[in-house]
Amino acid sequence: MAQLALGLASLGRPHYINLGREDALPAVRDVESMRAQCHRVLDTAYELGIRWVDAARSYGLSEDFLSSWLPGHDVTVSSKWGYAYTADWRPDAEVHEVKEHSLARFTQQWEETRALLPRVSLYQVHSLTADSPLFADRALLDAMAGIGVPLGFSTSGPRQADAIRKALDLGVFSSVQSTWNLLETSAGEALREAHDAGLRVVVKEGVANGRLVVEPPQAVAAQAEALGVGPDAVALAAVVAQPWADVVLSGAASPEQLRSNVEALRIDVDLPDLAEPAERYWKTRSGLSWN
């Protein structure tokens, strides 16, 4: 069975695109309030037996918050480079993050990550796409291989499968982190191939950025009611059940959300095919507002 991990995308910055997050966070989202909230969720994760935490340079102060919590906690830490957080804690920022897969960006962000986190078990390219300049940048690939830390990559968008298969051909990655949920299943076969090739498969956005929780499909809502759990648990249970899934990320923004997510590990679900066309799914996701 896949293990559950905690992702810090919702906890390292005051605004993100996850639905159902607004009431889970402090009324005042200054740095120290968000640090305290992040630590509360991390404490709950540790209490529940979760031993993997995933951050990123673009998740605001997620690495900083994690760094101040880490002493005394034995967890696997993964992080990502490639996006820079540009909103500067402002809710009205026109642009919240900027992507760049270059040697300069990697060098800068690896130094920043290393300065904050004493141990990193996995360093990932953030949102690798099949057209990324990384694939032809030998100097960048050599620099990545030279840090002495296992490498991975995450994917997003309707062509995730193309990026996964192209990255497999490089032979430098030991892990892949991709979106797969009841509404977006297009990467499933490529993830199975990655798993069979020996890569660890980490699944993100299992509740579709909250869409499967705030307005769950009727089949999800009915299953949740029958099992006495929330729709989030049903959605995540469907991910956990995939034979190629090794790690499933929770994007919980509060201890209560995390406790509800963990119920996914104790239930079995039986659901019809709810998948949307990938292009439609990602168009909807790109239209979600930062909240």
Protein backbone atom coordinates (compact mmCIF):
# COMPACT_ATOMS: atom_id res chain seq x y z
CA MET A 1 0.00 0.00 0.00
CA ALA A 2 1.16 3.53 -0.73
CA GLN A 3 2.27 5.69 2.16
CA LEU A 4 0.78 9.10 2.86
CA ALA A 5 3.02 12.15 2.86
CA LEU A 6 2.43 15.82 3.63
CA GLY A 7 2.90 18.47 0.95
CA LEU A 8 3.44 22.05 2.07
CA ALA A 9 2.09 23.94 -0.95
CA SER A 10 -0.88 25.22 1.06
CA LEU A 11 1.08 26.04 4.19
CA GLY A 12 4.17 27.92 3.07
CA ARG A 13 2.48 30.97 1.56
CA PRO A 14 -0.68 32.90 2.36
CA HIS A 15 -2.42 32.25 -0.96
CA TYR A 16 -2.74 29.16 -3.14
CA ILE A 17 -5.23 27.72 -5.64
CA ASN A 18 -6.65 24.96 -3.42
CA LEU A 19 -10.40 25.18 -2.87
CA GLY A 20 -11.69 24.65 0.66
CA ARG A 21 -8.57 26.16 2.18
CA GLU A 22 -9.92 29.53 3.25
CA ASP A 23 -11.53 28.54 6.56
CA ALA A 24 -8.75 26.09 7.43
CA LEU A 25 -6.10 28.80 7.77
CA PRO A 26 -5.66 31.53 10.40
CA ALA A 27 -7.78 34.63 9.96
CA VAL A 28 -4.57 36.67 9.79
CA ARG A 29 -2.04 35.09 7.47
CA ASP A 30 1.14 36.88 8.43
CA VAL A 31 4.42 34.97 8.43
CA GLU A 32 4.37 33.91 12.06
CA SER A 33 0.72 32.84 11.96
CA MET A 34 1.41 30.71 8.90
CA ARG A 35 4.55 29.28 10.49
CA ALA A 36 2.52 28.27 13.56
CA GLN A 37 -0.17 26.70 11.35
CA CYS A 38 2.43 24.80 9.34
CA HIS A 39 3.98 23.48 12.55
CA ARG A 40 0.57 22.40 13.87
CA VAL A 41 -0.07 20.38 10.72
CA LEU A 42 3.45 18.94 10.80
CA ASP A 43 2.94 17.93 14.45
CA THR A 44 -0.32 16.23 13.51
CA ALA A 45 1.34 14.44 10.60
CA TYR A 46 4.07 13.12 12.86
CA GLU A 47 1.52 12.01 15.45
CA LEU A 48 -0.36 10.13 12.71
CA GLY A 49 2.77 8.32 11.58
CA ILE A 50 3.45 10.34 8.43
CA ARG A 51 7.19 10.40 7.83
CA TRP A 52 7.55 12.19 4.49
CA VAL A 53 7.31 15.96 3.94
CA ASP A 54 7.44 17.59 0.51
CA ALA A 55 8.34 21.25 0.01
CA ALA A 56 9.53 23.49 -2.84
CA ARG A 57 11.41 26.73 -3.33
CA SER A 58 8.23 28.24 -4.79
CA TYR A 59 6.04 27.29 -1.83
CA GLY A 60 6.72 30.60 -0.16
CA LEU A 61 8.51 29.97 3.14
CA SER A 62 7.78 26.24 3.24
CA GLU A 63 11.44 25.24 3.50
CA ASP A 64 12.01 27.84 6.22
CA PHE A 65 8.97 26.66 8.19
CA LEU A 66 10.03 23.03 7.80
CA SER A 67 13.59 23.85 8.85
CA SER A 68 12.46 25.35 12.16
CA TRP A 69 10.29 22.27 12.88
CA LEU A 70 12.75 19.54 11.82
CA PRO A 71 14.95 19.22 14.94
CA GLY A 72 13.83 16.15 16.86
CA HIS A 73 11.75 14.76 13.98
CA ASP A 74 12.96 11.88 11.82
CA VAL A 75 11.30 12.37 8.43
CA THR A 76 12.14 12.05 4.75
CA VAL A 77 12.41 15.51 3.20
CA SER A 78 11.92 16.24 -0.49
CA SER A 79 11.95 19.61 -2.17
CA LYS A 80 11.87 21.11 -5.66
CA TRP A 81 13.58 23.75 -7.73
CA GLY A 82 12.52 25.51 -10.92
CA TYR A 83 9.88 27.99 -9.81
CA ALA A 84 10.61 31.16 -7.85
CA TYR A 85 7.99 32.57 -5.48
CA THR A 86 7.44 36.18 -6.55
CA ALA A 87 4.29 37.32 -4.72
CA ASP A 88 6.25 38.57 -1.69
CA TRP A 89 3.34 37.60 0.61
CA ARG A 90 0.94 39.92 -1.29
CA PRO A 91 -2.55 38.57 -2.07
CA ASP A 92 -2.94 41.03 -4.95
CA ALA A 93 0.24 40.00 -6.77
CA GLU A 94 -0.29 39.70 -10.51
CA VAL A 95 2.20 36.80 -10.67
CA HIS A 96 2.77 34.44 -7.75
CA GLU A 97 5.55 32.28 -9.18
CA VAL A 98 7.86 32.23 -12.19
CA LYS A 99 9.26 29.09 -13.82
CA GLU A 100 12.79 28.72 -15.17
CA HIS A 101 14.69 25.50 -15.81
CA SER A 102 18.22 26.84 -16.18
CA LEU A 103 21.63 26.12 -14.67
CA ALA A 104 21.59 29.52 -12.96
CA ARG A 105 18.17 28.88 -11.38
CA PHE A 106 19.19 25.39 -10.26
CA THR A 107 22.47 26.58 -8.74
CA GLN A 108 20.78 29.42 -6.88
CA GLN A 109 17.89 27.39 -5.56
CA TRP A 110 19.96 24.37 -4.53
CA GLU A 111 22.15 26.67 -2.43
CA GLU A 112 19.02 28.20 -0.89
CA THR A 113 17.54 24.79 -0.13
CA ARG A 114 20.78 23.45 1.29
CA ALA A 115 21.14 26.50 3.56
CA LEU A 116 17.73 25.84 5.10
CA LEU A 117 17.41 22.07 5.16
CA PRO A 118 20.20 20.02 6.77
CA ARG A 119 19.06 16.90 4.98
CA VAL A 120 17.29 16.47 1.66
CA SER A 121 16.50 12.94 0.51
CA LEU A 122 15.12 13.92 -2.88
CA TYR A 123 15.55 17.07 -5.01
CA GLN A 124 13.07 17.42 -7.85
CA VAL A 125 12.68 19.45 -11.00
CA HIS A 126 9.44 21.36 -10.52
CA SER A 127 6.83 20.82 -13.26
CA LEU A 128 9.03 19.30 -15.93
CA THR A 129 7.40 19.35 -19.36
CA ALA A 130 8.44 17.59 -22.54
CA ASP A 131 9.57 20.89 -24.09
CA SER A 132 11.75 21.93 -21.15
CA PRO A 133 15.24 23.19 -22.10
CA LEU A 134 16.57 20.89 -19.36
CA PHE A 135 16.58 17.88 -21.71
CA ALA A 136 19.25 19.44 -23.94
CA ASP A 137 21.24 21.25 -21.24
CA ARG A 138 24.20 18.98 -20.50
CA ALA A 139 25.76 21.44 -18.07
CA LEU A 140 22.55 21.57 -16.05
CA LEU A 141 22.16 17.79 -16.01
CA ASP A 142 25.78 17.38 -14.87
CA ALA A 143 25.30 19.96 -12.12
CA MET A 144 22.18 18.17 -10.89
CA ALA A 145 23.98 14.83 -10.83
CA GLY A 146 26.85 16.43 -8.93
CA ILE A 147 24.97 17.37 -5.77
CA GLY A 148 25.00 13.82 -4.46
CA VAL A 149 21.27 13.74 -3.70
CA PRO A 150 18.73 11.46 -5.45
CA LEU A 151 16.94 13.36 -8.22
CA GLY A 152 13.30 13.44 -9.20
CA PHE A 153 10.88 15.50 -11.24
CA SER A 154 7.28 16.58 -11.00
CA THR A 155 4.85 17.05 -13.86
CA SER A 156 1.76 19.11 -14.61
CA GLY A 157 -0.48 19.75 -17.58
CA PRO A 158 -2.33 17.65 -20.16
CA ARG A 159 0.89 16.14 -21.56
CA GLN A 160 2.23 14.72 -18.32
CA ALA A 161 2.67 11.29 -19.90
CA ASP A 162 4.97 12.71 -22.58
CA ALA A 163 7.17 14.38 -19.97
CA ILE A 164 7.34 11.21 -17.86
CA ARG A 165 8.41 9.02 -20.76
CA LYS A 166 10.96 11.54 -22.04
CA ALA A 167 12.43 11.92 -18.55
CA LEU A 168 12.70 8.14 -18.18
CA ASP A 169 14.97 8.09 -21.22
CA LEU A 170 17.45 10.40 -19.47
CA GLY A 171 18.22 7.74 -16.88
CA VAL A 172 19.08 10.27 -14.15
CA PHE A 173 15.89 10.26 -12.08
CA SER A 174 14.86 7.92 -9.28
CA SER A 175 11.44 9.46 -8.56
CA VAL A 176 8.51 11.07 -10.36
CA GLN A 177 5.74 13.20 -8.80
CA SER A 178 2.65 13.66 -10.95
CA THR A 179 -0.99 14.66 -10.77
CA TRP A 180 -3.43 11.76 -10.75
CA ASN A 181 -6.92 11.82 -9.32
CA LEU A 182 -10.43 10.68 -10.13
CA LEU A 183 -10.88 13.59 -12.56
CA GLU A 184 -7.42 13.43 -14.18
CA THR A 185 -6.13 9.95 -14.96
CA SER A 186 -4.23 10.59 -18.20
CA ALA A 187 -0.76 9.97 -16.70
CA GLY A 188 -1.70 6.60 -15.21
CA GLU A 189 -0.13 4.34 -17.82
CA ALA A 190 3.09 6.36 -17.94
CA LEU A 191 3.29 6.26 -14.15
CA ARG A 192 2.91 2.49 -14.26
CA GLU A 193 5.79 2.37 -16.72
CA ALA A 194 7.88 4.56 -14.42
CA HIS A 195 7.09 2.33 -11.46
CA ASP A 196 8.00 -0.78 -13.45
CA ALA A 197 11.28 0.90 -14.43
CA GLY A 198 12.16 1.25 -10.75
CA LEU A 199 11.21 4.86 -10.09
CA ARG A 200 9.33 5.84 -6.96
CA VAL A 201 5.93 7.24 -7.95
CA VAL A 202 4.64 10.13 -5.84
CA VAL A 203 1.09 11.31 -6.56
CA LYS A 204 0.03 14.92 -5.99
CA GLU A 205 -3.30 16.72 -6.21
CA GLY A 206 -5.28 13.63 -5.26
CA VAL A 207 -8.31 15.74 -4.40
CA ALA A 208 -7.96 17.86 -7.56
CA ASN A 209 -7.01 21.04 -5.71
CA GLY A 210 -10.13 20.64 -3.58
CA ARG A 211 -12.59 20.17 -6.43
CA LEU A 212 -13.40 16.62 -5.27
CA VAL A 213 -14.11 17.93 -1.77
CA VAL A 214 -15.94 21.23 -2.24
CA GLU A 215 -18.27 19.93 -4.97
CA PRO A 216 -17.74 16.16 -5.07
CA PRO A 217 -19.31 14.11 -7.86
CA GLN A 218 -22.43 12.29 -6.71
CA ALA A 219 -20.66 8.92 -6.72
CA VAL A 220 -17.91 10.25 -4.44
CA ALA A 221 -20.40 11.89 -2.08
CA ALA A 222 -22.51 8.71 -1.89
CA GLN A 223 -19.48 6.53 -1.18
CA ALA A 224 -18.30 8.95 1.51
CA GLU A 225 -21.69 8.86 3.22
CA ALA A 226 -21.84 5.07 3.06
CA LEU A 227 -18.35 4.72 4.58
CA GLY A 228 -18.75 7.48 7.15
CA VAL A 229 -15.80 9.50 5.87
CA GLY A 230 -15.29 12.72 3.97
CA PRO A 231 -15.14 12.94 0.18
CA ASP A 232 -11.44 13.76 0.54
CA ALA A 233 -10.80 10.32 2.03
CA VAL A 234 -12.70 8.63 -0.79
CA ALA A 235 -10.73 10.56 -3.42
CA LEU A 236 -7.39 9.77 -1.79
CA ALA A 237 -8.33 6.12 -1.26
CA ALA A 238 -8.78 5.83 -5.02
CA VAL A 239 -5.20 7.05 -5.45
CA VAL A 240 -3.79 4.80 -2.72
CA ALA A 241 -5.41 1.83 -4.48
CA GLN A 242 -3.34 2.31 -7.64
CA PRO A 243 -0.74 -0.51 -7.72
CA TRP A 244 1.93 1.82 -9.09
CA ALA A 245 1.50 4.53 -6.44
CA ASP A 246 4.23 4.53 -3.78
CA VAL A 247 3.60 7.85 -2.02
CA VAL A 248 0.39 9.90 -1.98
CA LEU A 249 0.60 13.55 -0.95
CA SER A 250 -1.91 15.22 1.30
CA GLY A 251 -2.20 18.95 0.74
CA ALA A 252 -4.03 19.50 4.03
CA ALA A 253 -4.08 23.07 5.35
CA SER A 254 -5.15 22.19 8.90
CA PRO A 255 -4.87 19.33 11.38
CA GLU A 256 -8.55 18.57 10.88
CA GLN A 257 -8.16 18.25 7.12
CA LEU A 258 -5.16 15.98 7.59
CA ARG A 259 -6.98 13.70 10.03
CA SER A 260 -9.79 13.41 7.50
CA ASN A 261 -7.32 12.65 4.69
CA VAL A 262 -5.71 9.83 6.67
CA GLU A 263 -9.02 7.96 6.74
CA ALA A 264 -8.18 7.05 3.12
CA LEU A 265 -5.76 4.42 4.40
CA ARG A 266 -8.46 2.36 6.13
CA ILE A 267 -11.15 2.22 3.44
CA ASP A 268 -11.71 0.51 0.10
CA VAL A 269 -13.70 2.34 -2.55
CA ASP A 270 -15.57 1.27 -5.65
CA LEU A 271 -16.22 4.13 -8.05
CA PRO A 272 -17.16 4.55 -11.71
CA ASP A 273 -14.90 6.28 -14.21
CA LEU A 274 -15.14 10.00 -13.43
CA ALA A 275 -12.22 11.22 -15.52
CA GLU A 276 -12.49 14.38 -17.58
CA PRO A 277 -10.58 14.96 -20.83
CA ALA A 278 -7.12 16.11 -19.77
CA GLU A 279 -7.30 19.38 -21.70
CA ARG A 280 -10.57 20.31 -20.00
CA TYR A 281 -9.25 19.36 -16.55
CA TRP A 282 -6.13 21.52 -16.86
CA LYS A 283 -8.07 24.42 -18.32
CA THR A 284 -10.34 24.33 -15.26
CA ARG A 285 -7.33 24.12 -12.95
CA SER A 286 -5.63 27.07 -14.60
CA GLY A 287 -8.77 29.10 -13.96
CA LEU A 288 -8.71 28.55 -10.19
CA SER A 289 -8.03 31.77 -8.31
CA TRP A 290 -5.33 32.26 -5.70
CA ASN A 291 -7.23 32.37 -2.40
